[in-house]
N, C-alpha and C. Protein backbone atom coordinates (compact mmCIF):
# COMPACT_ATOMS: atom_id res chain seq x y z
N MET A 1 27.86 -34.80 -7.83
CA MET A 1 27.49 -35.14 -9.28
C MET A 1 25.75 -35.68 -9.18
N ALA A 2 24.83 -34.85 -9.78
CA ALA A 2 23.77 -34.37 -9.76
C ALA A 2 22.60 -35.48 -9.61
N SER A 3 21.98 -35.85 -9.02
CA SER A 3 21.37 -36.41 -8.73
C SER A 3 19.92 -36.81 -10.07
N SER A 4 19.38 -38.27 -10.66
CA SER A 4 18.58 -37.79 -11.70
C SER A 4 17.22 -39.01 -10.86
N ALA A 5 17.11 -38.35 -9.68
CA ALA A 5 15.80 -39.31 -9.58
C ALA A 5 14.65 -38.37 -9.14
N VAL A 6 13.55 -38.69 -9.26
CA VAL A 6 12.39 -38.32 -9.31
C VAL A 6 11.12 -38.59 -8.49
N VAL A 7 10.99 -37.44 -7.45
CA VAL A 7 10.12 -38.07 -6.13
C VAL A 7 8.64 -38.27 -6.73
N LYS A 8 8.48 -39.35 -6.53
CA LYS A 8 7.02 -40.21 -7.07
C LYS A 8 6.10 -39.39 -6.43
N ARG A 9 4.58 -38.76 -6.71
CA ARG A 9 3.46 -38.40 -6.59
C ARG A 9 2.54 -39.28 -6.10
N SER A 10 1.77 -39.85 -4.85
CA SER A 10 0.92 -41.20 -5.35
C SER A 10 -0.73 -40.56 -5.59
N SER A 11 -1.15 -41.45 -6.40
CA SER A 11 -2.01 -41.28 -7.17
C SER A 11 -3.46 -40.89 -6.52
N SER A 12 -3.36 -41.61 -5.25
CA SER A 12 -4.70 -41.20 -4.57
C SER A 12 -4.64 -39.99 -4.41
N MET A 13 -5.98 -39.93 -3.85
CA MET A 13 -6.64 -38.78 -3.27
C MET A 13 -6.13 -38.67 -1.43
N MET A 14 -5.51 -36.96 -1.57
CA MET A 14 -4.65 -37.39 0.07
C MET A 14 -5.36 -36.28 0.19
N LYS A 15 -5.40 -35.78 1.51
CA LYS A 15 -5.51 -34.94 2.49
C LYS A 15 -4.61 -34.16 3.30
N SER A 16 -4.29 -32.94 3.14
CA SER A 16 -3.33 -32.39 3.45
C SER A 16 -3.66 -31.14 4.10
N VAL A 17 -2.64 -29.98 4.95
CA VAL A 17 -3.44 -28.71 5.71
C VAL A 17 -2.20 -27.90 4.97
N MET A 18 -2.55 -26.75 4.49
CA MET A 18 -2.36 -25.70 4.00
C MET A 18 -2.90 -24.63 4.99
N GLY A 19 -1.55 -23.66 5.67
CA GLY A 19 -1.62 -22.21 6.15
C GLY A 19 -2.90 -22.74 7.48
N GLY A 20 -2.84 -23.64 7.81
CA GLY A 20 -4.43 -24.73 9.11
C GLY A 20 -5.40 -24.83 8.25
N LEU A 21 -5.31 -24.67 6.83
CA LEU A 21 -6.63 -24.72 6.47
C LEU A 21 -7.30 -26.15 5.66
N ARG A 22 -7.89 -26.99 5.82
CA ARG A 22 -7.75 -28.41 5.48
C ARG A 22 -8.38 -28.88 4.03
N VAL A 23 -7.03 -29.36 3.36
CA VAL A 23 -7.42 -29.31 1.58
C VAL A 23 -7.80 -31.07 1.35
N VAL A 24 -8.74 -30.91 0.29
CA VAL A 24 -8.62 -32.29 0.27
C VAL A 24 -7.41 -32.26 -1.90
N ALA A 25 -6.47 -32.76 -1.79
CA ALA A 25 -6.33 -32.51 -3.80
C ALA A 25 -5.96 -34.25 -4.07
N ALA A 26 -6.98 -33.90 -5.41
CA ALA A 26 -6.22 -35.19 -5.90
C ALA A 26 -4.54 -34.91 -7.25
N SER A 27 -4.16 -35.99 -7.04
CA SER A 27 -2.37 -36.36 -7.67
C SER A 27 -2.27 -36.94 -8.61
N ARG A 28 -1.53 -36.26 -9.57
CA ARG A 28 -1.58 -37.56 -10.32
C ARG A 28 0.27 -38.17 -10.23
N ALA A 29 0.58 -39.39 -10.98
CA ALA A 29 1.69 -40.08 -10.67
C ALA A 29 2.96 -39.28 -10.63
N TYR A 30 2.99 -38.06 -11.78
CA TYR A 30 4.18 -37.77 -12.19
C TYR A 30 3.37 -36.53 -13.29
N ALA A 31 4.85 -35.40 -13.02
CA ALA A 31 4.70 -34.50 -13.91
C ALA A 31 5.62 -34.66 -15.53
N SER A 32 4.97 -34.16 -16.45
CA SER A 32 5.43 -34.44 -17.45
C SER A 32 6.31 -34.50 -17.64
N VAL A 33 7.38 -33.63 -16.89
CA VAL A 33 9.11 -33.67 -16.86
C VAL A 33 9.88 -34.32 -16.11
N ALA A 34 10.54 -34.65 -16.54
CA ALA A 34 11.69 -35.90 -15.12
C ALA A 34 13.14 -34.99 -15.18
N ALA A 35 13.93 -35.88 -15.01
CA ALA A 35 14.94 -35.24 -15.19
C ALA A 35 15.75 -36.15 -16.09
N GLY A 36 16.56 -35.18 -17.44
CA GLY A 36 16.65 -35.37 -18.87
C GLY A 36 15.55 -34.43 -20.03
N SER A 37 14.64 -34.04 -19.32
CA SER A 37 13.60 -33.31 -20.40
C SER A 37 14.15 -31.68 -20.17
N ASP A 38 14.11 -31.15 -21.62
CA ASP A 38 14.21 -29.74 -21.87
C ASP A 38 12.99 -28.78 -20.91
N ILE A 39 13.33 -27.79 -20.12
CA ILE A 39 12.14 -27.27 -19.71
C ILE A 39 11.73 -26.45 -20.73
N VAL A 40 12.44 -26.30 -21.35
CA VAL A 40 11.93 -24.64 -22.55
C VAL A 40 11.25 -25.57 -23.92
N SER A 41 11.89 -27.08 -24.47
CA SER A 41 10.64 -27.56 -24.97
C SER A 41 9.46 -28.16 -24.71
N ALA A 42 9.63 -28.18 -23.30
CA ALA A 42 8.39 -28.75 -22.87
C ALA A 42 7.36 -27.58 -22.45
N ALA A 43 7.66 -26.57 -22.58
CA ALA A 43 6.81 -24.86 -22.31
C ALA A 43 6.90 -24.21 -23.89
N GLN A 44 6.90 -24.92 -24.61
CA GLN A 44 7.03 -24.32 -25.56
C GLN A 44 6.05 -22.36 -25.75
N ASN A 45 6.47 -21.58 -26.34
CA ASN A 45 5.89 -20.47 -26.77
C ASN A 45 5.04 -19.90 -25.26
N VAL A 46 5.99 -20.59 -23.85
CA VAL A 46 5.33 -19.69 -23.36
C VAL A 46 6.28 -18.68 -22.49
N SER A 47 6.07 -17.93 -21.76
CA SER A 47 6.97 -16.85 -21.51
C SER A 47 6.58 -16.52 -19.62
N LEU A 48 7.45 -16.06 -18.72
CA LEU A 48 6.76 -15.80 -17.61
C LEU A 48 7.14 -14.30 -17.04
N GLN A 49 6.63 -14.14 -16.26
CA GLN A 49 6.41 -12.10 -16.09
C GLN A 49 7.31 -12.18 -15.01
N LYS A 50 8.23 -11.21 -14.97
CA LYS A 50 9.65 -10.81 -13.79
C LYS A 50 8.51 -10.61 -12.39
N ALA A 51 8.41 -9.97 -11.51
CA ALA A 51 7.84 -9.48 -10.45
C ALA A 51 8.54 -8.10 -10.90
N ARG A 52 7.26 -7.49 -10.36
CA ARG A 52 7.37 -5.63 -10.54
C ARG A 52 6.63 -5.10 -10.09
N SER A 53 7.00 -4.12 -9.94
CA SER A 53 5.43 -2.75 -9.39
C SER A 53 4.63 -2.74 -10.35
N TRP A 54 3.28 -2.10 -10.30
CA TRP A 54 2.44 -1.71 -11.79
C TRP A 54 3.62 -0.84 -11.70
N ASP A 55 3.46 0.23 -11.63
CA ASP A 55 4.52 1.44 -12.48
C ASP A 55 5.31 0.58 -14.07
N GLU A 56 6.37 -0.01 -13.18
CA GLU A 56 7.01 -0.63 -13.82
C GLU A 56 6.22 -1.93 -14.85
N GLY A 57 6.06 -2.19 -14.41
CA GLY A 57 5.00 -3.47 -15.90
C GLY A 57 4.42 -2.29 -16.93
N VAL A 58 3.47 -1.33 -16.76
CA VAL A 58 3.56 0.05 -17.28
C VAL A 58 4.42 0.61 -18.30
N SER A 59 5.61 1.09 -17.78
CA SER A 59 6.65 1.62 -18.29
C SER A 59 7.00 0.07 -19.30
N SER A 60 7.26 -1.03 -18.85
CA SER A 60 7.94 -1.92 -19.83
C SER A 60 6.57 -2.26 -20.80
N LYS A 61 5.70 -1.80 -21.20
CA LYS A 61 4.47 -2.74 -22.03
C LYS A 61 4.41 -3.74 -21.45
N PHE A 62 4.36 -4.05 -20.20
CA PHE A 62 3.40 -5.79 -19.73
C PHE A 62 4.66 -7.00 -20.67
N SER A 63 5.74 -6.10 -20.53
CA SER A 63 6.83 -7.21 -21.34
C SER A 63 6.96 -8.57 -20.45
N THR A 64 7.06 -9.94 -21.22
CA THR A 64 7.41 -10.60 -20.62
C THR A 64 8.63 -11.19 -20.77
N THR A 65 9.03 -12.48 -19.89
CA THR A 65 10.30 -12.71 -20.21
C THR A 65 10.21 -14.86 -20.96
N PRO A 66 10.67 -14.53 -21.58
CA PRO A 66 10.90 -16.18 -22.63
C PRO A 66 11.86 -17.05 -21.96
N LEU A 67 11.74 -17.69 -21.67
CA LEU A 67 11.95 -19.01 -21.56
C LEU A 67 13.54 -19.43 -20.85
N THR A 68 14.01 -19.37 -22.63
CA THR A 68 15.08 -19.17 -23.17
C THR A 68 16.77 -18.07 -22.58
N ASP A 69 15.26 -16.70 -21.85
CA ASP A 69 16.27 -15.72 -21.37
C ASP A 69 15.97 -16.37 -20.22
N ILE A 70 15.41 -17.47 -20.07
CA ILE A 70 15.84 -17.35 -18.25
C ILE A 70 16.80 -18.91 -18.01
N PHE A 71 16.90 -19.97 -19.23
CA PHE A 71 17.36 -21.01 -19.02
C PHE A 71 18.74 -21.29 -19.62
N LYS A 72 18.59 -20.45 -20.99
CA LYS A 72 19.49 -21.57 -22.34
C LYS A 72 21.41 -20.79 -21.48
N GLY A 73 22.09 -21.39 -21.49
CA GLY A 73 23.24 -20.88 -21.63
C GLY A 73 23.47 -21.05 -19.66
N LYS A 74 22.95 -21.30 -19.13
CA LYS A 74 23.50 -21.08 -17.77
C LYS A 74 22.79 -22.41 -16.89
N LYS A 75 23.20 -22.02 -15.62
CA LYS A 75 22.81 -22.99 -14.31
C LYS A 75 21.69 -22.52 -13.47
N VAL A 76 20.49 -22.92 -13.36
CA VAL A 76 19.57 -22.35 -12.96
C VAL A 76 18.79 -23.33 -11.73
N VAL A 77 18.67 -22.82 -10.92
CA VAL A 77 18.24 -23.67 -9.75
C VAL A 77 16.42 -22.73 -9.38
N ILE A 78 15.43 -23.90 -9.78
CA ILE A 78 14.05 -23.07 -10.15
C ILE A 78 13.47 -24.06 -8.92
N PHE A 79 12.16 -22.99 -8.12
CA PHE A 79 11.20 -23.35 -7.81
C PHE A 79 10.26 -23.36 -7.63
N GLY A 80 8.85 -23.86 -7.94
CA GLY A 80 7.50 -23.69 -7.93
C GLY A 80 6.99 -23.83 -6.34
N LEU A 81 5.71 -22.84 -6.03
CA LEU A 81 4.88 -23.02 -5.17
C LEU A 81 3.35 -22.75 -5.09
N PRO A 82 2.98 -22.92 -4.52
CA PRO A 82 1.55 -22.69 -4.65
C PRO A 82 0.55 -21.52 -4.78
N GLY A 83 1.50 -20.53 -3.69
CA GLY A 83 1.34 -19.30 -3.99
C GLY A 83 1.84 -18.11 -2.91
N ALA A 84 2.13 -16.89 -3.58
CA ALA A 84 2.77 -15.86 -2.34
C ALA A 84 1.90 -15.40 -1.42
N TYR A 85 2.30 -15.53 -0.30
CA TYR A 85 1.80 -15.12 1.38
C TYR A 85 1.08 -16.20 1.53
N THR A 86 0.95 -17.22 1.02
CA THR A 86 1.27 -18.34 1.86
C THR A 86 1.47 -18.93 3.38
N GLY A 87 1.51 -20.26 3.77
CA GLY A 87 1.98 -20.58 4.75
C GLY A 87 3.22 -20.70 4.70
N VAL A 88 3.71 -21.92 4.28
CA VAL A 88 4.52 -23.27 3.87
C VAL A 88 5.94 -21.87 3.31
N CYS A 89 5.09 -21.53 1.73
CA CYS A 89 5.68 -20.65 0.99
C CYS A 89 6.46 -19.71 1.80
N SER A 90 6.21 -19.44 2.69
CA SER A 90 6.62 -17.95 2.98
C SER A 90 7.59 -18.07 4.33
N ALA A 91 7.24 -18.97 4.67
CA ALA A 91 8.18 -19.68 6.28
C ALA A 91 9.34 -20.51 6.10
N GLN A 92 8.68 -21.29 5.01
CA GLN A 92 10.46 -22.13 4.79
C GLN A 92 10.45 -22.62 3.39
N HIS A 93 9.60 -22.75 2.39
CA HIS A 93 10.13 -22.49 1.22
C HIS A 93 11.29 -21.52 0.02
N VAL A 94 10.63 -20.19 0.50
CA VAL A 94 11.70 -19.45 0.03
C VAL A 94 12.93 -19.07 0.86
N PRO A 95 12.66 -19.33 2.37
CA PRO A 95 13.84 -18.86 3.39
C PRO A 95 14.85 -19.74 3.02
N SER A 96 14.56 -21.17 3.05
CA SER A 96 15.32 -22.07 2.53
C SER A 96 16.43 -22.23 1.86
N TYR A 97 15.77 -21.26 0.34
CA TYR A 97 16.46 -20.64 -0.90
C TYR A 97 17.84 -19.35 -0.34
N LYS A 98 17.07 -18.29 0.12
CA LYS A 98 17.53 -16.91 0.51
C LYS A 98 18.89 -16.97 1.19
N ASN A 99 18.60 -18.05 2.30
CA ASN A 99 19.09 -18.58 3.40
C ASN A 99 20.19 -19.67 2.84
N ASN A 100 20.32 -20.11 1.74
CA ASN A 100 21.73 -20.40 1.06
C ASN A 100 22.23 -20.07 -0.25
N ILE A 101 21.99 -18.94 -0.10
CA ILE A 101 22.04 -18.01 -1.66
C ILE A 101 23.73 -18.50 -2.69
N HIS A 102 24.45 -17.84 -0.47
CA HIS A 102 25.76 -18.33 -1.55
C HIS A 102 26.69 -19.62 -1.39
N LYS A 103 26.05 -20.63 -0.97
CA LYS A 103 26.12 -21.45 -1.34
C LYS A 103 25.98 -22.11 -2.24
N PHE A 104 24.24 -21.86 -3.39
CA PHE A 104 23.90 -22.29 -4.65
C PHE A 104 25.30 -21.18 -5.28
N LYS A 105 25.83 -20.12 -4.67
CA LYS A 105 26.59 -19.61 -6.22
C LYS A 105 27.78 -20.03 -5.65
N ALA A 106 28.61 -20.77 -4.94
CA ALA A 106 29.23 -20.69 -4.84
C ALA A 106 30.10 -22.28 -5.50
N LYS A 107 28.31 -23.47 -5.82
CA LYS A 107 28.47 -24.28 -6.71
C LYS A 107 28.17 -23.97 -8.59
N GLY A 108 28.35 -22.75 -8.56
CA GLY A 108 28.67 -22.27 -10.02
C GLY A 108 26.84 -22.07 -10.83
N ILE A 109 26.25 -21.88 -9.82
CA ILE A 109 24.33 -21.97 -10.21
C ILE A 109 24.43 -19.99 -10.14
N ASP A 110 24.07 -19.87 -11.96
CA ASP A 110 23.81 -18.21 -12.35
C ASP A 110 22.98 -17.62 -11.00
N SER A 111 21.69 -18.27 -11.25
CA SER A 111 20.27 -17.47 -10.44
C SER A 111 19.24 -19.10 -10.20
N VAL A 112 18.60 -18.02 -9.00
CA VAL A 112 17.66 -18.85 -8.22
C VAL A 112 16.60 -18.41 -8.41
N VAL A 113 15.51 -19.05 -9.09
CA VAL A 113 14.55 -18.82 -9.63
C VAL A 113 13.18 -18.90 -8.43
N CYS A 114 12.44 -18.44 -8.47
CA CYS A 114 10.46 -18.64 -8.04
C CYS A 114 10.18 -18.23 -8.45
N VAL A 115 8.86 -19.15 -8.83
CA VAL A 115 7.92 -18.64 -9.39
C VAL A 115 6.47 -19.52 -9.42
N ALA A 116 5.58 -18.63 -8.97
CA ALA A 116 4.12 -18.97 -8.66
C ALA A 116 2.69 -18.87 -9.46
N VAL A 117 2.02 -19.88 -9.23
CA VAL A 117 0.67 -18.62 -10.14
C VAL A 117 -0.17 -17.35 -9.70
N ASN A 118 0.89 -16.63 -9.93
CA ASN A 118 0.65 -15.39 -9.33
C ASN A 118 0.85 -14.48 -10.31
N ASP A 119 -0.09 -13.25 -10.29
CA ASP A 119 0.20 -12.00 -11.33
C ASP A 119 2.15 -11.08 -10.69
N PRO A 120 2.37 -10.91 -11.68
CA PRO A 120 3.78 -10.47 -10.70
C PRO A 120 4.23 -9.41 -9.48
N TYR A 121 3.08 -8.26 -9.82
CA TYR A 121 2.51 -7.56 -8.96
C TYR A 121 2.92 -8.41 -7.66
N VAL A 122 1.96 -9.15 -7.53
CA VAL A 122 1.86 -9.40 -6.65
C VAL A 122 3.34 -10.39 -5.89
N MET A 123 3.61 -11.00 -7.02
CA MET A 123 5.12 -11.91 -6.23
C MET A 123 6.20 -10.95 -5.98
N ASN A 124 5.86 -9.49 -6.88
CA ASN A 124 7.03 -8.51 -6.38
C ASN A 124 6.78 -8.06 -4.51
N GLY A 125 5.18 -7.99 -4.24
CA GLY A 125 5.02 -7.53 -3.17
C GLY A 125 5.49 -8.12 -2.18
N TRP A 126 5.66 -9.37 -2.66
CA TRP A 126 5.73 -11.12 -1.71
C TRP A 126 7.47 -11.04 -1.67
N ALA A 127 8.37 -10.41 -2.22
CA ALA A 127 9.44 -10.98 -2.39
C ALA A 127 9.79 -9.69 -1.28
N GLU A 128 9.64 -8.43 -1.73
CA GLU A 128 10.13 -7.06 -1.17
C GLU A 128 9.49 -7.60 0.74
N LYS A 129 8.44 -8.02 0.75
CA LYS A 129 8.25 -8.55 2.01
C LYS A 129 9.04 -9.77 2.67
N LEU A 130 9.48 -9.99 1.96
CA LEU A 130 10.42 -11.50 2.29
C LEU A 130 12.21 -11.06 2.51
N GLN A 131 12.01 -9.62 1.95
CA GLN A 131 13.26 -9.53 1.74
C GLN A 131 14.40 -10.61 1.07
N ALA A 132 13.85 -10.61 0.18
CA ALA A 132 14.56 -12.16 -0.55
C ALA A 132 14.87 -11.38 -1.94
N LYS A 133 14.27 -9.90 -3.01
CA LYS A 133 14.24 -9.60 -4.32
C LYS A 133 15.80 -9.96 -4.29
N ASP A 134 16.88 -9.96 -3.50
CA ASP A 134 18.42 -9.52 -4.31
C ASP A 134 18.42 -10.62 -4.69
N ALA A 135 18.55 -12.02 -3.51
CA ALA A 135 18.81 -13.46 -3.48
C ALA A 135 18.18 -14.22 -4.67
N ILE A 136 16.76 -14.20 -5.04
CA ILE A 136 16.38 -14.96 -5.73
C ILE A 136 15.25 -14.08 -6.87
N GLU A 137 15.29 -14.69 -7.69
CA GLU A 137 14.47 -14.02 -8.88
C GLU A 137 13.00 -14.38 -8.94
N PHE A 138 12.27 -13.28 -8.50
CA PHE A 138 10.67 -14.01 -8.62
C PHE A 138 9.86 -13.98 -9.98
N TYR A 139 9.21 -14.87 -10.37
CA TYR A 139 8.46 -14.77 -12.09
C TYR A 139 7.15 -15.35 -11.21
N GLY A 140 6.12 -14.60 -11.99
CA GLY A 140 4.47 -15.02 -12.15
C GLY A 140 4.05 -15.67 -13.45
N ASP A 141 3.53 -16.72 -13.34
CA ASP A 141 2.80 -17.49 -14.24
C ASP A 141 1.26 -17.22 -13.85
N PHE A 142 1.62 -15.83 -14.53
CA PHE A 142 -0.26 -15.21 -14.23
C PHE A 142 -1.20 -15.96 -14.63
N ASP A 143 -1.26 -17.43 -15.52
CA ASP A 143 -2.22 -18.03 -16.46
C ASP A 143 -2.11 -18.99 -15.94
N GLY A 144 -1.00 -19.50 -15.28
CA GLY A 144 -0.59 -21.13 -15.20
C GLY A 144 -0.71 -21.42 -16.14
N SER A 145 0.34 -20.73 -17.69
CA SER A 145 0.60 -21.76 -18.46
C SER A 145 1.74 -22.77 -18.12
N PHE A 146 2.91 -22.08 -17.90
CA PHE A 146 4.04 -22.32 -17.38
C PHE A 146 3.85 -24.27 -17.09
N HIS A 147 2.90 -23.96 -15.93
CA HIS A 147 2.52 -25.03 -14.88
C HIS A 147 1.91 -25.88 -15.32
N LYS A 148 0.68 -25.31 -16.19
CA LYS A 148 0.40 -26.31 -16.88
C LYS A 148 0.85 -27.24 -18.17
N SER A 149 2.14 -26.67 -18.56
CA SER A 149 2.42 -27.39 -19.51
C SER A 149 3.62 -28.39 -19.09
N LEU A 150 3.97 -27.71 -17.87
CA LEU A 150 4.52 -28.70 -17.18
C LEU A 150 4.01 -30.60 -16.41
N ASP A 151 2.80 -30.00 -16.56
CA ASP A 151 1.75 -31.17 -15.82
C ASP A 151 1.69 -30.90 -14.50
N LEU A 152 1.87 -29.67 -14.02
CA LEU A 152 2.31 -29.79 -12.02
C LEU A 152 1.04 -28.64 -11.78
N THR A 153 0.28 -28.70 -12.22
CA THR A 153 -1.15 -27.75 -11.44
C THR A 153 -2.08 -28.98 -10.53
N ILE A 154 -2.36 -27.93 -9.85
CA ILE A 154 -3.09 -28.83 -8.83
C ILE A 154 -4.40 -27.85 -8.62
N ASP A 155 -5.72 -28.06 -8.24
CA ASP A 155 -6.68 -27.25 -8.01
C ASP A 155 -6.87 -27.04 -6.74
N LEU A 156 -6.94 -26.28 -6.20
CA LEU A 156 -6.90 -25.56 -4.47
C LEU A 156 -7.85 -25.16 -4.30
N SER A 157 -8.72 -25.44 -5.00
CA SER A 157 -10.20 -24.16 -4.58
C SER A 157 -10.50 -24.50 -3.26
N SER A 158 -10.59 -25.38 -2.87
CA SER A 158 -11.15 -25.68 -1.70
C SER A 158 -10.46 -24.73 -0.39
N ALA A 159 -9.20 -24.78 -0.52
CA ALA A 159 -8.24 -23.31 -0.24
C ALA A 159 -9.03 -22.12 -0.60
N LEU A 160 -9.56 -21.73 -1.92
CA LEU A 160 -10.00 -20.92 -2.07
C LEU A 160 -8.75 -19.67 -3.19
N LEU A 161 -8.28 -21.15 -3.57
CA LEU A 161 -7.09 -20.96 -4.38
C LEU A 161 -6.88 -20.74 -6.16
N GLY A 162 -7.75 -21.53 -6.57
CA GLY A 162 -8.00 -21.88 -7.29
C GLY A 162 -6.85 -22.87 -7.85
N ILE A 163 -6.65 -22.90 -9.39
CA ILE A 163 -6.02 -23.41 -10.18
C ILE A 163 -4.01 -22.84 -9.39
N ARG A 164 -3.76 -23.43 -9.20
CA ARG A 164 -2.33 -23.56 -8.27
C ARG A 164 -0.75 -24.43 -9.08
N SER A 165 -0.24 -24.19 -8.38
CA SER A 165 1.57 -24.62 -8.88
C SER A 165 1.10 -25.97 -7.53
N HIS A 166 2.00 -27.16 -8.02
CA HIS A 166 2.50 -27.87 -7.15
C HIS A 166 3.41 -27.20 -6.65
N ARG A 167 4.04 -27.74 -5.31
CA ARG A 167 5.46 -27.78 -4.81
C ARG A 167 6.30 -28.52 -5.15
N TRP A 168 7.20 -27.53 -6.11
CA TRP A 168 8.71 -28.89 -7.01
C TRP A 168 10.05 -27.75 -6.66
N SER A 169 10.52 -28.17 -7.27
CA SER A 169 12.48 -27.95 -7.01
C SER A 169 13.19 -28.42 -8.31
N ALA A 170 13.81 -27.42 -9.06
CA ALA A 170 14.56 -28.49 -10.10
C ALA A 170 15.52 -28.24 -9.97
N TYR A 171 16.93 -28.64 -10.63
CA TYR A 171 18.18 -27.67 -10.81
C TYR A 171 17.77 -28.31 -12.64
N VAL A 172 18.81 -27.01 -13.20
CA VAL A 172 18.86 -27.52 -14.44
C VAL A 172 20.18 -26.47 -15.38
N GLU A 173 20.36 -27.08 -15.80
CA GLU A 173 21.50 -26.73 -17.09
C GLU A 173 21.09 -26.85 -18.32
N ASP A 174 21.64 -24.98 -18.92
CA ASP A 174 21.14 -25.22 -20.30
C ASP A 174 19.69 -25.89 -20.58
N GLY A 175 18.80 -25.53 -19.72
CA GLY A 175 17.56 -26.01 -20.16
C GLY A 175 17.33 -27.47 -19.93
N LYS A 176 18.36 -27.87 -19.72
CA LYS A 176 18.27 -29.56 -19.34
C LYS A 176 17.95 -29.53 -18.17
N ILE A 177 16.57 -30.55 -17.68
CA ILE A 177 16.75 -30.54 -15.86
C ILE A 177 17.48 -31.71 -15.96
N LYS A 178 18.22 -30.99 -14.57
CA LYS A 178 19.51 -32.54 -14.05
C LYS A 178 18.85 -33.14 -12.75
N VAL A 179 17.94 -32.85 -11.77
CA VAL A 179 17.37 -32.63 -10.60
C VAL A 179 15.78 -32.50 -11.17
N MET A 180 15.21 -33.32 -10.61
CA MET A 180 13.71 -32.80 -10.34
C MET A 180 12.92 -33.58 -9.16
N ASN A 181 12.49 -32.63 -8.51
CA ASN A 181 11.74 -33.07 -7.03
C ASN A 181 10.28 -31.88 -7.02
N VAL A 182 9.18 -33.00 -6.68
CA VAL A 182 7.87 -32.69 -6.60
C VAL A 182 7.41 -33.50 -5.23
N GLU A 183 7.01 -32.37 -4.19
CA GLU A 183 6.02 -32.55 -3.05
C GLU A 183 5.12 -33.97 -3.08
N GLN A 184 4.49 -34.24 -2.57
CA GLN A 184 3.15 -35.44 -2.49
C GLN A 184 2.00 -34.54 -2.50
N ALA A 185 2.25 -33.36 -1.37
CA ALA A 185 1.01 -32.42 -1.16
C ALA A 185 2.05 -31.09 -0.92
N PRO A 186 0.82 -30.18 -1.83
CA PRO A 186 1.35 -28.93 -1.84
C PRO A 186 1.62 -28.23 0.01
N SER A 187 0.82 -29.14 0.95
CA SER A 187 1.44 -28.67 2.12
C SER A 187 2.76 -29.01 2.65
N GLU A 188 3.17 -30.20 2.07
CA GLU A 188 4.05 -30.86 2.07
C GLU A 188 5.57 -29.93 2.29
N PHE A 189 6.50 -29.96 3.00
CA PHE A 189 8.21 -29.54 2.45
C PHE A 189 9.38 -30.69 2.68
N LYS A 190 9.11 -31.91 1.88
CA LYS A 190 10.36 -32.80 2.78
C LYS A 190 11.33 -32.66 1.25
N VAL A 191 11.39 -32.36 0.28
CA VAL A 191 11.96 -32.96 -1.17
C VAL A 191 12.42 -31.71 -2.12
N SER A 192 11.55 -30.02 -1.65
CA SER A 192 11.47 -29.55 -2.59
C SER A 192 12.57 -28.23 -1.76
N GLY A 193 13.02 -28.09 -1.12
CA GLY A 193 13.54 -27.35 -0.43
C GLY A 193 14.94 -27.22 -0.79
N GLY A 194 15.75 -25.74 -0.24
CA GLY A 194 17.58 -25.30 -0.51
C GLY A 194 18.34 -26.43 -0.19
N ASP A 195 18.39 -26.55 0.81
CA ASP A 195 18.84 -28.21 1.42
C ASP A 195 19.07 -28.99 0.82
N GLN A 196 17.68 -29.38 0.62
CA GLN A 196 17.76 -31.03 -0.33
C GLN A 196 18.51 -30.70 -1.59
N LEU A 197 17.87 -29.56 -2.26
CA LEU A 197 18.55 -29.00 -4.03
C LEU A 197 19.44 -28.85 -4.02
N LEU A 198 20.31 -28.62 -3.05
CA LEU A 198 21.82 -27.76 -2.48
C LEU A 198 22.56 -29.69 -2.84
N SER A 199 21.87 -30.09 -1.85
CA SER A 199 22.91 -31.37 -1.50
C SER A 199 22.62 -32.89 -3.18
N GLN A 200 21.86 -31.89 -3.94
CA GLN A 200 21.85 -32.97 -4.98
C GLN A 200 22.34 -32.73 -6.03
N ILE A 201 22.73 -31.44 -6.13
CA ILE A 201 23.95 -30.68 -7.29
C ILE A 201 25.30 -31.09 -7.03
């Protein structure tokens, strides 16, 4: 039975460590979505960009993927993270889903999606480096519009990253969020990993 719990983020200033660099980040109390929300309605007119090479982008005329194509009529596990090639994202977050892909499929999950505020070409190179493209669908949110719509952005300029995504995960059925987990700080990896979400489905 899917849990409907939402992990709270404190409203105070907090210090975190990201890839060895100390970051001071202001956090809000909640994302604008929670269990029961429709993720497609929350981010209306927003599309994501599937990870691909530059040549593939040119040949596709820089096409984007509407959220309805990703979520409607499907059981989807999605997780967001601060950025490609960053420490926790590469060493822990993505591997926690890649290594559990068969368990997710056994639970009837149609797709496991990773999204970050990066362009799709960086996401493609990173996915290939992690050897995760066959297991996980990687998408770029190049201008942050998806995460802004969900109130899941965070300013990581002190780490030279600019506006990025909080670290989070969700289980979504036909566009409806069943489970939503958000870390208190971008460096933390306590509630958004694959093992945790697997136990909530």
